[in-house]
Amino acid sequence: MNIDQLRYFIEIIKHGSISKASQAIYVSQPSISNSIKKLEEEVGATLIRRNNKGILLTKEGENIYQYAKIVLEQVDKIKKISEIHDTYSFRVVAMNYSPVMEAFVKLCSEYESKAKLNFNI
């Protein structure tokens, strides 16, 4: 089981069909179908039933859906934590030399919107 399989599963439920999920996330319909088939094999249960109106969740599918949402929420939290700590520092040591100070201030102002950069002088 992998994160993509869970994401695809949730997207299918969100959009009500494999084809609509495929269009929404720009992944081919056969790829999504194969991923779901493998997920179903791994959990040992049919998760969705396909019909001409879209999909229906099975009882097992409903249970897996609830857990998949929790897992993906936790994965997103982990990603946010790693983004916070993924910062870069730019440090300049200079004697009171105005051209360096001016250049440093200009550099800081150009990159002030970049949250992952720390400037020190």
PDB file of N, CA and C in Angstrom:
ATOM      1  N   MET A   1       0.841  -1.171   0.000  1.00  0.00           N
ATOM      2  CA  MET A   1       0.000   0.000   0.000  1.00  0.00           C
ATOM      3  C   MET A   1       0.889   1.239   0.000  1.00  0.00           C
ATOM      4  N   ASN A   2       0.500   2.221  -0.802  1.00  0.00           N
ATOM      5  CA  ASN A   2       1.285   3.448  -0.820  1.00  0.00           C
ATOM      6  C   ASN A   2       0.360   4.670  -0.791  1.00  0.00           C
ATOM      7  N   ILE A   3       0.984   5.801  -0.579  1.00  0.00           N
ATOM      8  CA  ILE A   3       0.241   7.052  -0.430  1.00  0.00           C
ATOM      9  C   ILE A   3      -0.570   7.377  -1.680  1.00  0.00           C
ATOM     10  N   ASP A   4       0.010   7.130  -2.855  1.00  0.00           N
ATOM     11  CA  ASP A   4      -0.720   7.428  -4.093  1.00  0.00           C
ATOM     12  C   ASP A   4      -2.011   6.618  -4.188  1.00  0.00           C
ATOM     13  N   GLN A   5      -1.959   5.360  -3.800  1.00  0.00           N
ATOM     14  CA  GLN A   5      -3.170   4.542  -3.842  1.00  0.00           C
ATOM     15  C   GLN A   5      -4.256   5.148  -2.959  1.00  0.00           C
ATOM     16  N   LEU A   6      -3.866   5.597  -1.777  1.00  0.00           N
ATOM     17  CA  LEU A   6      -4.847   6.215  -0.877  1.00  0.00           C
ATOM     18  C   LEU A   6      -5.372   7.526  -1.443  1.00  0.00           C
ATOM     19  N   ARG A   7      -4.479   8.321  -2.036  1.00  0.00           N
ATOM     20  CA  ARG A   7      -4.923   9.588  -2.658  1.00  0.00           C
ATOM     21  C   ARG A   7      -5.914   9.322  -3.797  1.00  0.00           C
ATOM     22  N   TYR A   8      -5.595   8.359  -4.637  1.00  0.00           N
ATOM     23  CA  TYR A   8      -6.485   8.031  -5.752  1.00  0.00           C
ATOM     24  C   TYR A   8      -7.846   7.569  -5.222  1.00  0.00           C
ATOM     25  N   PHE A   9      -7.808   6.725  -4.207  1.00  0.00           N
ATOM     26  CA  PHE A   9      -9.046   6.219  -3.614  1.00  0.00           C
ATOM     27  C   PHE A   9      -9.917   7.370  -3.110  1.00  0.00           C
ATOM     28  N   ILE A  10      -9.313   8.294  -2.405  1.00  0.00           N
ATOM     29  CA  ILE A  10     -10.053   9.450  -1.882  1.00  0.00           C
ATOM     30  C   ILE A  10     -10.571  10.333  -3.018  1.00  0.00           C
ATOM     31  N   GLU A  11      -9.760  10.526  -4.049  1.00  0.00           N
ATOM     32  CA  GLU A  11     -10.203  11.337  -5.195  1.00  0.00           C
ATOM     33  C   GLU A  11     -11.387  10.695  -5.908  1.00  0.00           C
ATOM     34  N   ILE A  12     -11.378   9.387  -6.024  1.00  0.00           N
ATOM     35  CA  ILE A  12     -12.500   8.685  -6.660  1.00  0.00           C
ATOM     36  C   ILE A  12     -13.778   8.954  -5.878  1.00  0.00           C
ATOM     37  N   ILE A  13     -13.688   8.840  -4.570  1.00  0.00           N
ATOM     38  CA  ILE A  13     -14.862   9.075  -3.731  1.00  0.00           C
ATOM     39  C   ILE A  13     -15.293  10.540  -3.823  1.00  0.00           C
ATOM     40  N   LYS A  14     -14.337  11.430  -3.774  1.00  0.00           N
ATOM     41  CA  LYS A  14     -14.623  12.870  -3.838  1.00  0.00           C
ATOM     42  C   LYS A  14     -15.355  13.243  -5.132  1.00  0.00           C
ATOM     43  N   HIS A  15     -14.932  12.647  -6.253  1.00  0.00           N
ATOM     44  CA  HIS A  15     -15.495  13.015  -7.558  1.00  0.00           C
ATOM     45  C   HIS A  15     -16.608  12.080  -8.017  1.00  0.00           C
ATOM     46  N   GLY A  16     -16.784  10.969  -7.330  1.00  0.00           N
ATOM     47  CA  GLY A  16     -17.890  10.074  -7.654  1.00  0.00           C
ATOM     48  C   GLY A  16     -17.658   9.109  -8.789  1.00  0.00           C
ATOM     49  N   SER A  17     -16.504   9.191  -9.434  1.00  0.00           N
ATOM     50  CA  SER A  17     -16.188   8.235 -10.496  1.00  0.00           C
ATOM     51  C   SER A  17     -14.686   8.224 -10.750  1.00  0.00           C
ATOM     52  N   ILE A  18     -14.235   7.150 -11.336  1.00  0.00           N
ATOM     53  CA  ILE A  18     -12.812   7.030 -11.656  1.00  0.00           C
ATOM     54  C   ILE A  18     -12.441   7.998 -12.771  1.00  0.00           C
ATOM     55  N   SER A  19     -13.303   8.127 -13.761  1.00  0.00           N
ATOM     56  CA  SER A  19     -12.976   9.022 -14.883  1.00  0.00           C
ATOM     57  C   SER A  19     -12.908  10.484 -14.440  1.00  0.00           C
ATOM     58  N   LYS A  20     -13.817  10.910 -13.579  1.00  0.00           N
ATOM     59  CA  LYS A  20     -13.772  12.291 -13.092  1.00  0.00           C
ATOM     60  C   LYS A  20     -12.545  12.530 -12.204  1.00  0.00           C
ATOM     61  N   ALA A  21     -12.214  11.547 -11.383  1.00  0.00           N
ATOM     62  CA  ALA A  21     -11.004  11.657 -10.553  1.00  0.00           C
ATOM     63  C   ALA A  21      -9.772  11.737 -11.437  1.00  0.00           C
ATOM     64  N   SER A  22      -9.760  10.925 -12.480  1.00  0.00           N
ATOM     65  CA  SER A  22      -8.648  10.914 -13.428  1.00  0.00           C
ATOM     66  C   SER A  22      -8.431  12.292 -14.046  1.00  0.00           C
ATOM     67  N   GLN A  23      -9.506  12.916 -14.457  1.00  0.00           N
ATOM     68  CA  GLN A  23      -9.418  14.246 -15.052  1.00  0.00           C
ATOM     69  C   GLN A  23      -8.975  15.292 -14.027  1.00  0.00           C
ATOM     70  N   ALA A  24      -9.459  15.167 -12.800  1.00  0.00           N
ATOM     71  CA  ALA A  24      -9.155  16.156 -11.766  1.00  0.00           C
ATOM     72  C   ALA A  24      -7.698  16.143 -11.337  1.00  0.00           C
ATOM     73  N   ILE A  25      -7.102  14.946 -11.306  1.00  0.00           N
ATOM     74  CA  ILE A  25      -5.722  14.851 -10.804  1.00  0.00           C
ATOM     75  C   ILE A  25      -4.700  14.560 -11.904  1.00  0.00           C
ATOM     76  N   TYR A  26      -5.158  14.571 -13.144  1.00  0.00           N
ATOM     77  CA  TYR A  26      -4.274  14.397 -14.302  1.00  0.00           C
ATOM     78  C   TYR A  26      -3.480  13.096 -14.258  1.00  0.00           C
ATOM     79  N   VAL A  27      -4.194  12.018 -13.920  1.00  0.00           N
ATOM     80  CA  VAL A  27      -3.606  10.681 -13.931  1.00  0.00           C
ATOM     81  C   VAL A  27      -4.520   9.839 -14.805  1.00  0.00           C
ATOM     82  N   SER A  28      -3.937   8.992 -15.634  1.00  0.00           N
ATOM     83  CA  SER A  28      -4.765   8.220 -16.559  1.00  0.00           C
ATOM     84  C   SER A  28      -5.725   7.298 -15.808  1.00  0.00           C
ATOM     85  N   GLN A  29      -6.868   7.093 -16.417  1.00  0.00           N
ATOM     86  CA  GLN A  29      -7.886   6.243 -15.810  1.00  0.00           C
ATOM     87  C   GLN A  29      -7.367   4.820 -15.578  1.00  0.00           C
ATOM     88  N   PRO A  30      -6.647   4.215 -16.536  1.00  0.00           N
ATOM     89  CA  PRO A  30      -6.115   2.874 -16.278  1.00  0.00           C
ATOM     90  C   PRO A  30      -5.132   2.826 -15.093  1.00  0.00           C
ATOM     91  N   SER A  31      -4.337   3.874 -14.921  1.00  0.00           N
ATOM     92  CA  SER A  31      -3.411   3.917 -13.782  1.00  0.00           C
ATOM     93  C   SER A  31      -4.169   3.941 -12.463  1.00  0.00           C
ATOM     94  N   ILE A  32      -5.200   4.759 -12.405  1.00  0.00           N
ATOM     95  CA  ILE A  32      -6.000   4.830 -11.180  1.00  0.00           C
ATOM     96  C   ILE A  32      -6.692   3.499 -10.927  1.00  0.00           C
ATOM     97  N   SER A  33      -7.278   2.926 -11.957  1.00  0.00           N
ATOM     98  CA  SER A  33      -7.971   1.645 -11.805  1.00  0.00           C
ATOM     99  C   SER A  33      -7.024   0.558 -11.318  1.00  0.00           C
ATOM    100  N   ASN A  34      -5.819   0.519 -11.901  1.00  0.00           N
ATOM    101  CA  ASN A  34      -4.830  -0.484 -11.473  1.00  0.00           C
ATOM    102  C   ASN A  34      -4.396  -0.265 -10.031  1.00  0.00           C
ATOM    103  N   SER A  35      -4.219   0.979  -9.644  1.00  0.00           N
ATOM    104  CA  SER A  35      -3.834   1.284  -8.259  1.00  0.00           C
ATOM    105  C   SER A  35      -4.911   0.834  -7.286  1.00  0.00           C
ATOM    106  N   ILE A  36      -6.158   1.079  -7.636  1.00  0.00           N
ATOM    107  CA  ILE A  36      -7.258   0.681  -6.752  1.00  0.00           C
ATOM    108  C   ILE A  36      -7.359  -0.837  -6.691  1.00  0.00           C
ATOM    109  N   LYS A  37      -7.166  -1.478  -7.813  1.00  0.00           N
ATOM    110  CA  LYS A  37      -7.200  -2.950  -7.836  1.00  0.00           C
ATOM    111  C   LYS A  37      -6.119  -3.512  -6.907  1.00  0.00           C
ATOM    112  N   LYS A  38      -4.909  -2.950  -6.974  1.00  0.00           N
ATOM    113  CA  LYS A  38      -3.818  -3.401  -6.101  1.00  0.00           C
ATOM    114  C   LYS A  38      -4.124  -3.113  -4.638  1.00  0.00           C
ATOM    115  N   LEU A  39      -4.718  -1.957  -4.359  1.00  0.00           N
ATOM    116  CA  LEU A  39      -5.107  -1.621  -2.991  1.00  0.00           C
ATOM    117  C   LEU A  39      -6.130  -2.627  -2.473  1.00  0.00           C
ATOM    118  N   GLU A  40      -7.104  -2.935  -3.305  1.00  0.00           N
ATOM    119  CA  GLU A  40      -8.120  -3.918  -2.911  1.00  0.00           C
ATOM    120  C   GLU A  40      -7.500  -5.285  -2.652  1.00  0.00           C
ATOM    121  N   GLU A  41      -6.528  -5.662  -3.477  1.00  0.00           N
ATOM    122  CA  GLU A  41      -5.835  -6.944  -3.264  1.00  0.00           C
ATOM    123  C   GLU A  41      -5.082  -6.938  -1.943  1.00  0.00           C
ATOM    124  N   GLU A  42      -4.437  -5.819  -1.642  1.00  0.00           N
ATOM    125  CA  GLU A  42      -3.660  -5.723  -0.396  1.00  0.00           C
ATOM    126  C   GLU A  42      -4.536  -5.777   0.848  1.00  0.00           C
ATOM    127  N   VAL A  43      -5.674  -5.114   0.805  1.00  0.00           N
ATOM    128  CA  VAL A  43      -6.551  -5.125   1.981  1.00  0.00           C
ATOM    129  C   VAL A  43      -7.475  -6.341   1.993  1.00  0.00           C
ATOM    130  N   GLY A  44      -7.517  -7.064   0.889  1.00  0.00           N
ATOM    131  CA  GLY A  44      -8.311  -8.285   0.824  1.00  0.00           C
ATOM    132  C   GLY A  44      -9.806  -8.055   0.781  1.00  0.00           C
ATOM    133  N   ALA A  45     -10.208  -6.933   0.188  1.00  0.00           N
ATOM    134  CA  ALA A  45     -11.637  -6.630   0.110  1.00  0.00           C
ATOM    135  C   ALA A  45     -11.914  -5.712  -1.065  1.00  0.00           C
ATOM    136  N   THR A  46     -13.121  -5.800  -1.582  1.00  0.00           N
ATOM    137  CA  THR A  46     -13.578  -4.875  -2.602  1.00  0.00           C
ATOM    138  C   THR A  46     -13.952  -3.573  -1.899  1.00  0.00           C
ATOM    139  N   LEU A  47     -13.397  -2.462  -2.376  1.00  0.00           N
ATOM    140  CA  LEU A  47     -13.634  -1.168  -1.723  1.00  0.00           C
ATOM    141  C   LEU A  47     -14.711  -0.353  -2.411  1.00  0.00           C
ATOM    142  N   ILE A  48     -14.769  -0.474  -3.730  1.00  0.00           N
ATOM    143  CA  ILE A  48     -15.785   0.266  -4.476  1.00  0.00           C
ATOM    144  C   ILE A  48     -16.450  -0.656  -5.484  1.00  0.00           C
ATOM    145  N   ARG A  49     -17.690  -0.373  -5.742  1.00  0.00           N
ATOM    146  CA  ARG A  49     -18.436  -1.069  -6.793  1.00  0.00           C
ATOM    147  C   ARG A  49     -18.695  -0.046  -7.883  1.00  0.00           C
ATOM    148  N   ARG A  50     -18.369  -0.432  -9.086  1.00  0.00           N
ATOM    149  CA  ARG A  50     -18.554   0.455 -10.220  1.00  0.00           C
ATOM    150  C   ARG A  50     -19.917   0.176 -10.864  1.00  0.00           C
ATOM    151  N   ASN A  51     -20.590   1.242 -11.257  1.00  0.00           N
ATOM    152  CA  ASN A  51     -21.831   1.082 -12.010  1.00  0.00           C
ATOM    153  C   ASN A  51     -21.916   2.195 -13.045  1.00  0.00           C
ATOM    154  N   ASN A  52     -22.991   2.218 -13.803  1.00  0.00           N
ATOM    155  CA  ASN A  52     -23.095   3.213 -14.878  1.00  0.00           C
ATOM    156  C   ASN A  52     -23.269   4.641 -14.352  1.00  0.00           C
ATOM    157  N   LYS A  53     -23.559   4.814 -13.075  1.00  0.00           N
ATOM    158  CA  LYS A  53     -23.700   6.148 -12.488  1.00  0.00           C
ATOM    159  C   LYS A  53     -22.426   6.596 -11.769  1.00  0.00           C
ATOM    160  N   GLY A  54     -21.445   5.741 -11.679  1.00  0.00           N
ATOM    161  CA  GLY A  54     -20.211   6.084 -10.980  1.00  0.00           C
ATOM    162  C   GLY A  54     -19.750   4.957 -10.085  1.00  0.00           C
ATOM    163  N   ILE A  55     -19.559   5.277  -8.818  1.00  0.00           N
ATOM    164  CA  ILE A  55     -19.075   4.273  -7.873  1.00  0.00           C
ATOM    165  C   ILE A  55     -19.935   4.269  -6.613  1.00  0.00           C
ATOM    166  N   LEU A  56     -19.902   3.141  -5.933  1.00  0.00           N
ATOM    167  CA  LEU A  56     -20.523   3.007  -4.621  1.00  0.00           C
ATOM    168  C   LEU A  56     -19.486   2.405  -3.691  1.00  0.00           C
ATOM    169  N   LEU A  57     -19.394   2.955  -2.497  1.00  0.00           N
ATOM    170  CA  LEU A  57     -18.476   2.409  -1.504  1.00  0.00           C
ATOM    171  C   LEU A  57     -19.081   1.167  -0.858  1.00  0.00           C
ATOM    172  N   THR A  58     -18.255   0.149  -0.681  1.00  0.00           N
ATOM    173  CA  THR A  58     -18.682  -1.007   0.092  1.00  0.00           C
ATOM    174  C   THR A  58     -18.488  -0.681   1.571  1.00  0.00           C
ATOM    175  N   LYS A  59     -18.945  -1.562   2.435  1.00  0.00           N
ATOM    176  CA  LYS A  59     -18.756  -1.341   3.870  1.00  0.00           C
ATOM    177  C   LYS A  59     -17.258  -1.274   4.192  1.00  0.00           C
ATOM    178  N   GLU A  60     -16.491  -2.171   3.608  1.00  0.00           N
ATOM    179  CA  GLU A  60     -15.037  -2.158   3.810  1.00  0.00           C
ATOM    180  C   GLU A  60     -14.432  -0.876   3.248  1.00  0.00           C
ATOM    181  N   GLY A  61     -14.967  -0.433   2.110  1.00  0.00           N
ATOM    182  CA  GLY A  61     -14.497   0.803   1.496  1.00  0.00           C
ATOM    183  C   GLY A  61     -14.730   2.003   2.384  1.00  0.00           C
ATOM    184  N   GLU A  62     -15.879   2.046   3.050  1.00  0.00           N
ATOM    185  CA  GLU A  62     -16.169   3.141   3.975  1.00  0.00           C
ATOM    186  C   GLU A  62     -15.159   3.174   5.117  1.00  0.00           C
ATOM    187  N   ASN A  63     -14.835   1.993   5.652  1.00  0.00           N
ATOM    188  CA  ASN A  63     -13.853   1.923   6.741  1.00  0.00           C
ATOM    189  C   ASN A  63     -12.472   2.366   6.272  1.00  0.00           C
ATOM    190  N   ILE A  64     -12.043   1.876   5.129  1.00  0.00           N
ATOM    191  CA  ILE A  64     -10.732   2.235   4.595  1.00  0.00           C
ATOM    192  C   ILE A  64     -10.695   3.722   4.270  1.00  0.00           C
ATOM    193  N   TYR A  65     -11.794   4.261   3.760  1.00  0.00           N
ATOM    194  CA  TYR A  65     -11.881   5.687   3.434  1.00  0.00           C
ATOM    195  C   TYR A  65     -11.619   6.548   4.667  1.00  0.00           C
ATOM    196  N   GLN A  66     -12.238   6.190   5.788  1.00  0.00           N
ATOM    197  CA  GLN A  66     -12.039   6.960   7.020  1.00  0.00           C
ATOM    198  C   GLN A  66     -10.576   6.941   7.456  1.00  0.00           C
ATOM    199  N   TYR A  67      -9.954   5.781   7.398  1.00  0.00           N
ATOM    200  CA  TYR A  67      -8.544   5.676   7.773  1.00  0.00           C
ATOM    201  C   TYR A  67      -7.629   6.366   6.761  1.00  0.00           C
ATOM    202  N   ALA A  68      -7.959   6.261   5.492  1.00  0.00           N
ATOM    203  CA  ALA A  68      -7.138   6.894   4.449  1.00  0.00           C
ATOM    204  C   ALA A  68      -7.118   8.410   4.633  1.00  0.00           C
ATOM    205  N   LYS A  69      -8.262   8.990   4.982  1.00  0.00           N
ATOM    206  CA  LYS A  69      -8.301  10.438   5.223  1.00  0.00           C
ATOM    207  C   LYS A  69      -7.376  10.812   6.379  1.00  0.00           C
ATOM    208  N   ILE A  70      -7.391  10.031   7.438  1.00  0.00           N
ATOM    209  CA  ILE A  70      -6.535  10.307   8.594  1.00  0.00           C
ATOM    210  C   ILE A  70      -5.068  10.196   8.210  1.00  0.00           C
ATOM    211  N   VAL A  71      -4.732   9.143   7.478  1.00  0.00           N
ATOM    212  CA  VAL A  71      -3.340   8.934   7.061  1.00  0.00           C
ATOM    213  C   VAL A  71      -2.865  10.102   6.214  1.00  0.00           C
ATOM    214  N   LEU A  72      -3.659  10.523   5.253  1.00  0.00           N
ATOM    215  CA  LEU A  72      -3.245  11.613   4.367  1.00  0.00           C
ATOM    216  C   LEU A  72      -3.177  12.950   5.097  1.00  0.00           C
ATOM    217  N   GLU A  73      -4.041  13.164   6.068  1.00  0.00           N
ATOM    218  CA  GLU A  73      -3.935  14.376   6.892  1.00  0.00           C
ATOM    219  C   GLU A  73      -2.609  14.389   7.645  1.00  0.00           C
ATOM    220  N   GLN A  74      -2.213  13.232   8.163  1.00  0.00           N
ATOM    221  CA  GLN A  74      -0.950  13.139   8.895  1.00  0.00           C
ATOM    222  C   GLN A  74       0.249  13.333   7.956  1.00  0.00           C
ATOM    223  N   VAL A  75       0.163  12.785   6.771  1.00  0.00           N
ATOM    224  CA  VAL A  75       1.236  12.975   5.785  1.00  0.00           C
ATOM    225  C   VAL A  75       1.371  14.462   5.450  1.00  0.00           C
ATOM    226  N   ASP A  76       0.262  15.144   5.262  1.00  0.00           N
ATOM    227  CA  ASP A  76       0.301  16.584   4.973  1.00  0.00           C
ATOM    228  C   ASP A  76       0.926  17.365   6.130  1.00  0.00           C
ATOM    229  N   LYS A  77       0.621  16.977   7.358  1.00  0.00           N
ATOM    230  CA  LYS A  77       1.224  17.630   8.525  1.00  0.00           C
ATOM    231  C   LYS A  77       2.734  17.410   8.552  1.00  0.00           C
ATOM    232  N   ILE A  78       3.164  16.207   8.234  1.00  0.00           N
ATOM    233  CA  ILE A  78       4.604  15.909   8.188  1.00  0.00           C
ATOM    234  C   ILE A  78       5.281  16.772   7.131  1.00  0.00           C
ATOM    235  N   LYS A  79       4.656  16.911   5.975  1.00  0.00           N
ATOM    236  CA  LYS A  79       5.226  17.746   4.914  1.00  0.00           C
ATOM    237  C   LYS A  79       5.354  19.195   5.360  1.00  0.00           C
ATOM    238  N   LYS A  80       4.343  19.702   6.066  1.00  0.00           N
ATOM    239  CA  LYS A  80       4.393  21.084   6.540  1.00  0.00           C
ATOM    240  C   LYS A  80       5.509  21.277   7.550  1.00  0.00           C
ATOM    241  N   ILE A  81       5.707  20.302   8.415  1.00  0.00           N
ATOM    242  CA  ILE A  81       6.791  20.390   9.396  1.00  0.00           C
ATOM    243  C   ILE A  81       8.130  20.430   8.687  1.00  0.00           C
ATOM    244  N   SER A  82       8.310  19.580   7.698  1.00  0.00           N
ATOM    245  CA  SER A  82       9.595  19.554   6.987  1.00  0.00           C
ATOM    246  C   SER A  82       9.816  20.837   6.203  1.00  0.00           C
ATOM    247  N   GLU A  83       8.742  21.472   5.725  1.00  0.00           N
ATOM    248  CA  GLU A  83       8.881  22.746   5.017  1.00  0.00           C
ATOM    249  C   GLU A  83       9.327  23.856   5.952  1.00  0.00           C
ATOM    250  N   ILE A  84       8.854  23.831   7.175  1.00  0.00           N
ATOM    251  CA  ILE A  84       9.233  24.848   8.151  1.00  0.00           C
ATOM    252  C   ILE A  84      10.724  24.780   8.433  1.00  0.00           C
ATOM    253  N   HIS A  85      11.244  23.573   8.532  1.00  0.00           N
ATOM    254  CA  HIS A  85      12.647  23.408   8.890  1.00  0.00           C
ATOM    255  C   HIS A  85      13.583  23.460   7.690  1.00  0.00           C
ATOM    256  N   ASP A  86      13.031  23.572   6.531  1.00  0.00           N
ATOM    257  CA  ASP A  86      13.827  23.590   5.311  1.00  0.00           C
ATOM    258  C   ASP A  86      14.147  25.037   4.941  1.00  0.00           C
ATOM    259  N   THR A  87      14.894  25.704   5.821  1.00  0.00           N
ATOM    260  CA  THR A  87      15.243  27.092   5.570  1.00  0.00           C
ATOM    261  C   THR A  87      16.729  27.209   5.276  1.00  0.00           C
ATOM    262  N   TYR A  88      17.065  28.258   4.607  1.00  0.00           N
ATOM    263  CA  TYR A  88      18.447  28.520   4.243  1.00  0.00           C
ATOM    264  C   TYR A  88      18.870  29.852   4.826  1.00  0.00           C
ATOM    265  N   SER A  89      20.116  29.911   5.213  1.00  0.00           N
ATOM    266  CA  SER A  89      20.639  31.146   5.789  1.00  0.00           C
ATOM    267  C   SER A  89      21.660  31.759   4.853  1.00  0.00           C
ATOM    268  N   PHE A  90      21.650  33.074   4.828  1.00  0.00           N
ATOM    269  CA  PHE A  90      22.636  33.835   4.079  1.00  0.00           C
ATOM    270  C   PHE A  90      23.242  34.821   5.057  1.00  0.00           C
ATOM    271  N   ARG A  91      24.504  34.654   5.325  1.00  0.00           N
ATOM    272  CA  ARG A  91      25.157  35.467   6.349  1.00  0.00           C
ATOM    273  C   ARG A  91      26.335  36.212   5.731  1.00  0.00           C
ATOM    274  N   VAL A  92      26.434  37.483   6.054  1.00  0.00           N
ATOM    275  CA  VAL A  92      27.524  38.323   5.573  1.00  0.00           C
ATOM    276  C   VAL A  92      28.242  38.903   6.783  1.00  0.00           C
ATOM    277  N   VAL A  93      29.555  38.828   6.737  1.00  0.00           N
ATOM    278  CA  VAL A  93      30.364  39.463   7.779  1.00  0.00           C
ATOM    279  C   VAL A  93      31.185  40.537   7.085  1.00  0.00           C
ATOM    280  N   ALA A  94      31.010  41.757   7.527  1.00  0.00           N
ATOM    281  CA  ALA A  94      31.726  42.865   6.886  1.00  0.00           C
ATOM    282  C   ALA A  94      31.965  43.957   7.914  1.00  0.00           C
ATOM    283  N   MET A  95      33.063  44.608   7.733  1.00  0.00           N
ATOM    284  CA  MET A  95      33.311  45.786   8.553  1.00  0.00           C
ATOM    285  C   MET A  95      32.373  46.882   8.035  1.00  0.00           C
ATOM    286  N   ASN A  96      32.211  47.899   8.703  1.00  0.00           N
ATOM    287  CA  ASN A  96      31.290  48.972   8.381  1.00  0.00           C
ATOM    288  C   ASN A  96      31.618  49.568   7.010  1.00  0.00           C
ATOM    289  N   TYR A  97      31.355  48.779   5.969  1.00  0.00           N
ATOM    290  CA  TYR A  97      31.704  49.162   4.607  1.00  0.00           C
ATOM    291  C   TYR A  97      30.407  49.390   3.847  1.00  0.00           C
ATOM    292  N   SER A  98      30.078  50.624   3.528  1.00  0.00           N
ATOM    293  CA  SER A  98      28.765  50.975   3.004  1.00  0.00           C
ATOM    294  C   SER A  98      28.371  50.282   1.695  1.00  0.00           C
ATOM    295  N   PRO A  99      29.263  50.059   0.705  1.00  0.00           N
ATOM    296  CA  PRO A  99      28.812  49.345  -0.493  1.00  0.00           C
ATOM    297  C   PRO A  99      28.310  47.935  -0.174  1.00  0.00           C
ATOM    298  N   VAL A 100      28.957  47.268   0.781  1.00  0.00           N
ATOM    299  CA  VAL A 100      28.512  45.928   1.168  1.00  0.00           C
ATOM    300  C   VAL A 100      27.153  46.021   1.848  1.00  0.00           C
ATOM    301  N   MET A 101      27.006  46.984   2.733  1.00  0.00           N
ATOM    302  CA  MET A 101      25.728  47.175   3.429  1.00  0.00           C
ATOM    303  C   MET A 101      24.608  47.479   2.436  1.00  0.00           C
ATOM    304  N   GLU A 102      24.886  48.352   1.486  1.00  0.00           N
ATOM    305  CA  GLU A 102      23.867  48.697   0.486  1.00  0.00           C
ATOM    306  C   GLU A 102      23.478  47.479  -0.344  1.00  0.00           C
ATOM    307  N   ALA A 103      24.466  46.712  -0.763  1.00  0.00           N
ATOM    308  CA  ALA A 103      24.187  45.513  -1.552  1.00  0.00           C
ATOM    309  C   ALA A 103      23.387  44.490  -0.733  1.00  0.00           C
ATOM    310  N   PHE A 104      23.730  44.348   0.535  1.00  0.00           N
ATOM    311  CA  PHE A 104      23.028  43.419   1.416  1.00  0.00           C
ATOM    312  C   PHE A 104      21.571  43.835   1.603  1.00  0.00           C
ATOM    313  N   VAL A 105      21.332  45.094   1.839  1.00  0.00           N
ATOM    314  CA  VAL A 105      19.964  45.594   2.002  1.00  0.00           C
ATOM    315  C   VAL A 105      19.163  45.373   0.719  1.00  0.00           C
ATOM    316  N   LYS A 106      19.782  45.622  -0.420  1.00  0.00           N
ATOM    317  CA  LYS A 106      19.106  45.406  -1.706  1.00  0.00           C
ATOM    318  C   LYS A 106      18.760  43.926  -1.887  1.00  0.00           C
ATOM    319  N   LEU A 107      19.695  43.052  -1.558  1.00  0.00           N
ATOM    320  CA  LEU A 107      19.458  41.612  -1.654  1.00  0.00           C
ATOM    321  C   LEU A 107      18.312  41.187  -0.740  1.00  0.00           C
ATOM    322  N   CYS A 108      18.331  41.680   0.483  1.00  0.00           N
ATOM    323  CA  CYS A 108      17.253  41.354   1.437  1.00  0.00           C
ATOM    324  C   CYS A 108      15.897  41.790   0.905  1.00  0.00           C
ATOM    325  N   SER A 109      15.821  42.962   0.348  1.00  0.00           N
ATOM    326  CA  SER A 109      14.535  43.464  -0.146  1.00  0.00           C
ATOM    327  C   SER A 109      14.044  42.668  -1.355  1.00  0.00           C
ATOM    328  N   GLU A 110      14.960  42.181  -2.170  1.00  0.00           N
ATOM    329  CA  GLU A 110      14.563  41.377  -3.331  1.00  0.00           C
ATOM    330  C   GLU A 110      14.000  40.024  -2.915  1.00  0.00           C
ATOM    331  N   TYR A 111      14.497  39.480  -1.823  1.00  0.00           N
ATOM    332  CA  TYR A 111      14.098  38.137  -1.396  1.00  0.00           C
ATOM    333  C   TYR A 111      13.252  38.121  -0.130  1.00  0.00           C
ATOM    334  N   GLU A 112      12.706  39.253   0.274  1.00  0.00           N
ATOM    335  CA  GLU A 112      11.969  39.316   1.530  1.00  0.00           C
ATOM    336  C   GLU A 112      10.710  38.453   1.529  1.00  0.00           C
ATOM    337  N   SER A 113      10.153  38.172   0.376  1.00  0.00           N
ATOM    338  CA  SER A 113       8.951  37.346   0.317  1.00  0.00           C
ATOM    339  C   SER A 113       9.264  35.854   0.381  1.00  0.00           C
ATOM    340  N   LYS A 114      10.502  35.491   0.317  1.00  0.00           N
ATOM    341  CA  LYS A 114      10.903  34.088   0.395  1.00  0.00           C
ATOM    342  C   LYS A 114      11.014  33.687   1.857  1.00  0.00           C
ATOM    343  N   ALA A 115      10.029  32.923   2.322  1.00  0.00           N
ATOM    344  CA  ALA A 115       9.967  32.568   3.740  1.00  0.00           C
ATOM    345  C   ALA A 115      11.069  31.609   4.163  1.00  0.00           C
ATOM    346  N   LYS A 116      11.695  30.958   3.219  1.00  0.00           N
ATOM    347  CA  LYS A 116      12.702  29.960   3.570  1.00  0.00           C
ATOM    348  C   LYS A 116      14.116  30.519   3.633  1.00  0.00           C
ATOM    349  N   LEU A 117      14.245  31.818   3.576  1.00  0.00           N
ATOM    350  CA  LEU A 117      15.570  32.441   3.613  1.00  0.00           C
ATOM    351  C   LEU A 117      15.713  33.289   4.865  1.00  0.00           C
ATOM    352  N   ASN A 118      16.835  33.122   5.544  1.00  0.00           N
ATOM    353  CA  ASN A 118      17.168  33.960   6.697  1.00  0.00           C
ATOM    354  C   ASN A 118      18.412  34.738   6.352  1.00  0.00           C
ATOM    355  N   PHE A 119      18.364  36.050   6.532  1.00  0.00           N
ATOM    356  CA  PHE A 119      19.507  36.915   6.253  1.00  0.00           C
ATOM    357  C   PHE A 119      20.097  37.429   7.563  1.00  0.00           C
ATOM    358  N   ASN A 120      21.400  37.368   7.638  1.00  0.00           N
ATOM    359  CA  ASN A 120      22.108  37.877   8.828  1.00  0.00           C
ATOM    360  C   ASN A 120      23.322  38.671   8.387  1.00  0.00           C
ATOM    361  N   ILE A 121      23.584  39.745   9.095  1.00  0.00           N
ATOM    362  CA  ILE A 121      24.787  40.513   8.845  1.00  0.00           C
ATOM    363  C   ILE A 121      25.470  40.795  10.161  1.00  0.00           C
TER     364      ILE A 121
END
